[in-house]
């Protein structure tokens, strides 16, 4: 599917994978599920990506709660990696990131110690990456939520919903 500059929100029809390369980022292999779920589900033109934890090279980038065990800056790097993992799942589902018309919604969970209220600051790292990659089409509705624990001890988990072409 060929995107127009309108579809890409001002990226001039640029390939999101080229944008990733220019940012010196590489899509990892799409992470495999670690429990009883599937990595994505398509409903019409919406693609729902299951929650992604901060796997990098097959290992979690960090383990624990923010900010005591995991500093905010590390949690932000984890959120960015979660978003990259979600992009890898999207590509595996539809063949190319060019199929993405827009990012619809992002949910970010942050394993938070009591009294930590900067979940949106952590979530911004994932949101900002999606806007860098897709331009205005990457702007999305979002929830940034604190949690007492996340799967495998990950400090961050990110889920994404995108609209894709036919």
Protein backbone atom coordinates (compact mmCIF):
# COMPACT_ATOMS: atom_id res chain seq x y z
CA UNK A 1 0.00 0.00 0.00
CA UNK A 2 1.42 3.37 -0.99
CA UNK A 3 0.97 6.15 1.58
CA UNK A 4 0.39 9.78 0.69
CA UNK A 5 1.75 12.69 2.71
CA UNK A 6 -1.75 13.12 4.14
CA UNK A 7 -1.76 9.49 5.29
CA UNK A 8 1.62 9.94 6.89
CA UNK A 9 0.76 13.16 8.68
CA UNK A 10 3.41 15.30 7.05
CA UNK A 11 6.17 12.70 6.66
CA UNK A 12 5.91 13.18 2.92
CA UNK A 13 5.01 9.54 2.35
CA UNK A 14 8.25 8.40 4.00
CA UNK A 15 8.65 4.76 4.89
CA UNK A 16 8.45 4.33 8.69
CA UNK A 17 11.24 1.74 8.52
CA UNK A 18 13.50 4.30 6.82
CA UNK A 19 12.64 6.75 9.60
CA UNK A 20 13.63 4.09 12.17
CA UNK A 21 16.97 3.61 10.38
CA UNK A 22 17.56 7.36 10.38
CA UNK A 23 16.92 7.32 14.13
CA UNK A 24 19.54 4.53 14.32
CA UNK A 25 16.91 2.10 15.60
CA UNK A 26 16.44 -1.45 14.42
CA UNK A 27 13.27 -3.46 14.75
CA UNK A 28 13.89 -6.57 16.81
CA UNK A 29 12.39 -9.95 16.01
CA UNK A 30 8.75 -9.89 17.06
CA UNK A 31 8.71 -11.21 20.64
CA UNK A 32 6.97 -14.53 21.16
CA UNK A 33 4.18 -14.77 23.75
CA UNK A 34 5.34 -15.85 27.20
CA UNK A 35 1.90 -17.05 28.37
CA UNK A 36 -1.51 -18.12 27.02
CA UNK A 37 -2.22 -15.32 24.53
CA UNK A 38 -1.55 -14.37 20.93
CA UNK A 39 0.72 -11.46 19.95
CA UNK A 40 -1.96 -9.62 17.98
CA UNK A 41 -5.57 -9.75 16.87
CA UNK A 42 -7.05 -7.98 13.88
CA UNK A 43 -10.66 -6.76 13.97
CA UNK A 44 -11.58 -5.06 10.71
CA UNK A 45 -8.95 -2.40 10.11
CA UNK A 46 -7.84 -2.33 13.74
CA UNK A 47 -4.81 -4.31 14.85
CA UNK A 48 -4.58 -4.89 18.61
CA UNK A 49 -1.04 -5.65 19.79
CA UNK A 50 -0.75 -7.54 23.07
CA UNK A 51 1.18 -5.90 25.88
CA UNK A 52 4.92 -5.80 25.23
CA UNK A 53 7.48 -5.84 28.01
CA UNK A 54 10.99 -4.44 27.79
CA UNK A 55 12.74 -7.36 26.07
CA UNK A 56 15.95 -6.47 24.31
CA UNK A 57 18.05 -9.26 22.87
CA UNK A 58 15.88 -11.85 24.58
CA UNK A 59 16.35 -10.40 28.08
CA UNK A 60 14.50 -7.79 30.11
CA UNK A 61 16.30 -4.45 30.07
CA UNK A 62 15.53 -3.96 33.77
CA UNK A 63 13.52 -5.54 36.55
CA UNK A 64 11.65 -3.86 39.37
CA UNK A 65 9.62 -0.87 40.42
CA UNK A 66 10.09 2.75 39.40
CA UNK A 67 11.80 4.84 40.76
CA UNK A 68 13.53 2.95 43.61
CA UNK A 69 14.76 -0.13 41.74
CA UNK A 70 14.56 1.31 38.22
CA UNK A 71 15.33 5.01 37.65
CA UNK A 72 12.85 7.03 35.57
CA UNK A 73 15.38 7.38 32.73
CA UNK A 74 15.81 3.59 32.53
CA UNK A 75 12.04 3.12 32.64
CA UNK A 76 11.76 5.55 29.72
CA UNK A 77 14.28 3.48 27.75
CA UNK A 78 12.19 0.40 28.60
CA UNK A 79 9.02 2.11 27.34
CA UNK A 80 10.77 2.96 24.10
CA UNK A 81 11.90 -0.66 23.72
CA UNK A 82 8.35 -1.86 24.41
CA UNK A 83 7.14 0.40 21.59
CA UNK A 84 9.83 -0.99 19.26
CA UNK A 85 8.72 -4.50 20.17
CA UNK A 86 5.12 -3.54 19.38
CA UNK A 87 6.23 -2.19 15.99
CA UNK A 88 7.97 -5.52 15.33
CA UNK A 89 4.72 -7.34 16.10
CA UNK A 90 2.81 -4.99 13.79
CA UNK A 91 5.28 -5.65 10.97
CA UNK A 92 5.03 -9.40 11.52
CA UNK A 93 1.23 -9.17 11.41
CA UNK A 94 0.80 -7.04 8.28
CA UNK A 95 4.14 -7.31 6.49
CA UNK A 96 5.20 -3.67 6.58
CA UNK A 97 4.89 -0.63 8.80
CA UNK A 98 3.70 1.19 5.67
CA UNK A 99 0.35 -0.56 6.23
CA UNK A 100 -0.23 1.54 9.36
CA UNK A 101 -2.66 4.38 8.66
CA UNK A 102 -2.60 5.71 12.21
CA UNK A 103 -1.83 4.81 15.79
CA UNK A 104 -5.18 4.81 17.59
CA UNK A 105 -4.43 4.08 21.24
CA UNK A 106 -1.51 3.23 23.49
CA UNK A 107 -1.74 1.79 26.98
CA UNK A 108 1.31 2.03 29.23
CA UNK A 109 1.65 0.34 32.61
CA UNK A 110 4.50 1.31 34.91
CA UNK A 111 5.46 -0.84 37.89
CA UNK A 112 5.36 1.93 40.47
CA UNK A 113 6.38 2.30 44.06
CA UNK A 114 3.86 4.00 46.37
CA UNK A 115 4.04 7.77 45.93
CA UNK A 116 5.35 7.64 42.36
CA UNK A 117 3.12 9.73 40.10
CA UNK A 118 5.21 10.24 36.97
CA UNK A 119 3.77 7.40 34.87
CA UNK A 120 3.00 9.87 32.03
CA UNK A 121 6.67 10.90 31.95
CA UNK A 122 7.66 7.24 31.44
CA UNK A 123 4.87 6.69 28.89
CA UNK A 124 6.00 9.71 26.86
CA UNK A 125 9.05 7.76 25.68
CA UNK A 126 6.80 5.26 23.87
CA UNK A 127 4.44 7.95 22.60
CA UNK A 128 7.24 10.16 21.31
CA UNK A 129 8.81 7.25 19.41
CA UNK A 130 5.51 6.50 17.66
CA UNK A 131 5.16 10.15 16.63
CA UNK A 132 8.75 10.20 15.37
CA UNK A 133 8.11 7.11 13.26
CA UNK A 134 4.63 7.96 11.92
CA UNK A 135 4.45 11.77 12.17
CA UNK A 136 1.00 13.15 13.01
CA UNK A 137 -0.45 9.71 12.21
CA UNK A 138 1.41 8.48 15.27
CA UNK A 139 -0.51 10.77 17.67
CA UNK A 140 -2.85 8.68 19.76
CA UNK A 141 -5.16 8.41 22.73
CA UNK A 142 -3.33 7.00 25.74
CA UNK A 143 -3.57 5.65 29.25
CA UNK A 144 -0.54 5.77 31.57
CA UNK A 145 -1.20 3.66 34.65
CA UNK A 146 0.75 2.66 37.75
CA UNK A 147 0.80 -1.00 38.75
CA UNK A 148 2.13 -2.87 41.75
CA UNK A 149 3.71 -5.54 39.52
CA UNK A 150 4.06 -6.44 35.84
CA UNK A 151 4.83 -9.70 34.02
CA UNK A 152 8.30 -11.15 34.62
CA UNK A 153 9.18 -8.15 36.80
CA UNK A 154 9.31 -5.75 33.84
CA UNK A 155 9.14 -2.10 34.91
CA UNK A 156 7.00 -1.18 31.89
CA UNK A 157 4.42 -2.81 29.63
CA UNK A 158 3.00 -1.19 26.48
CA UNK A 159 0.03 -2.21 24.32
CA UNK A 160 -0.81 -0.56 21.00
CA UNK A 161 -3.85 -0.36 18.72
CA UNK A 162 -3.29 0.76 15.13
CA UNK A 163 -5.49 1.21 12.09
CA UNK A 164 -4.11 -0.62 9.09
CA UNK A 165 -4.95 -0.65 5.42
CA UNK A 166 -6.85 -3.46 3.75
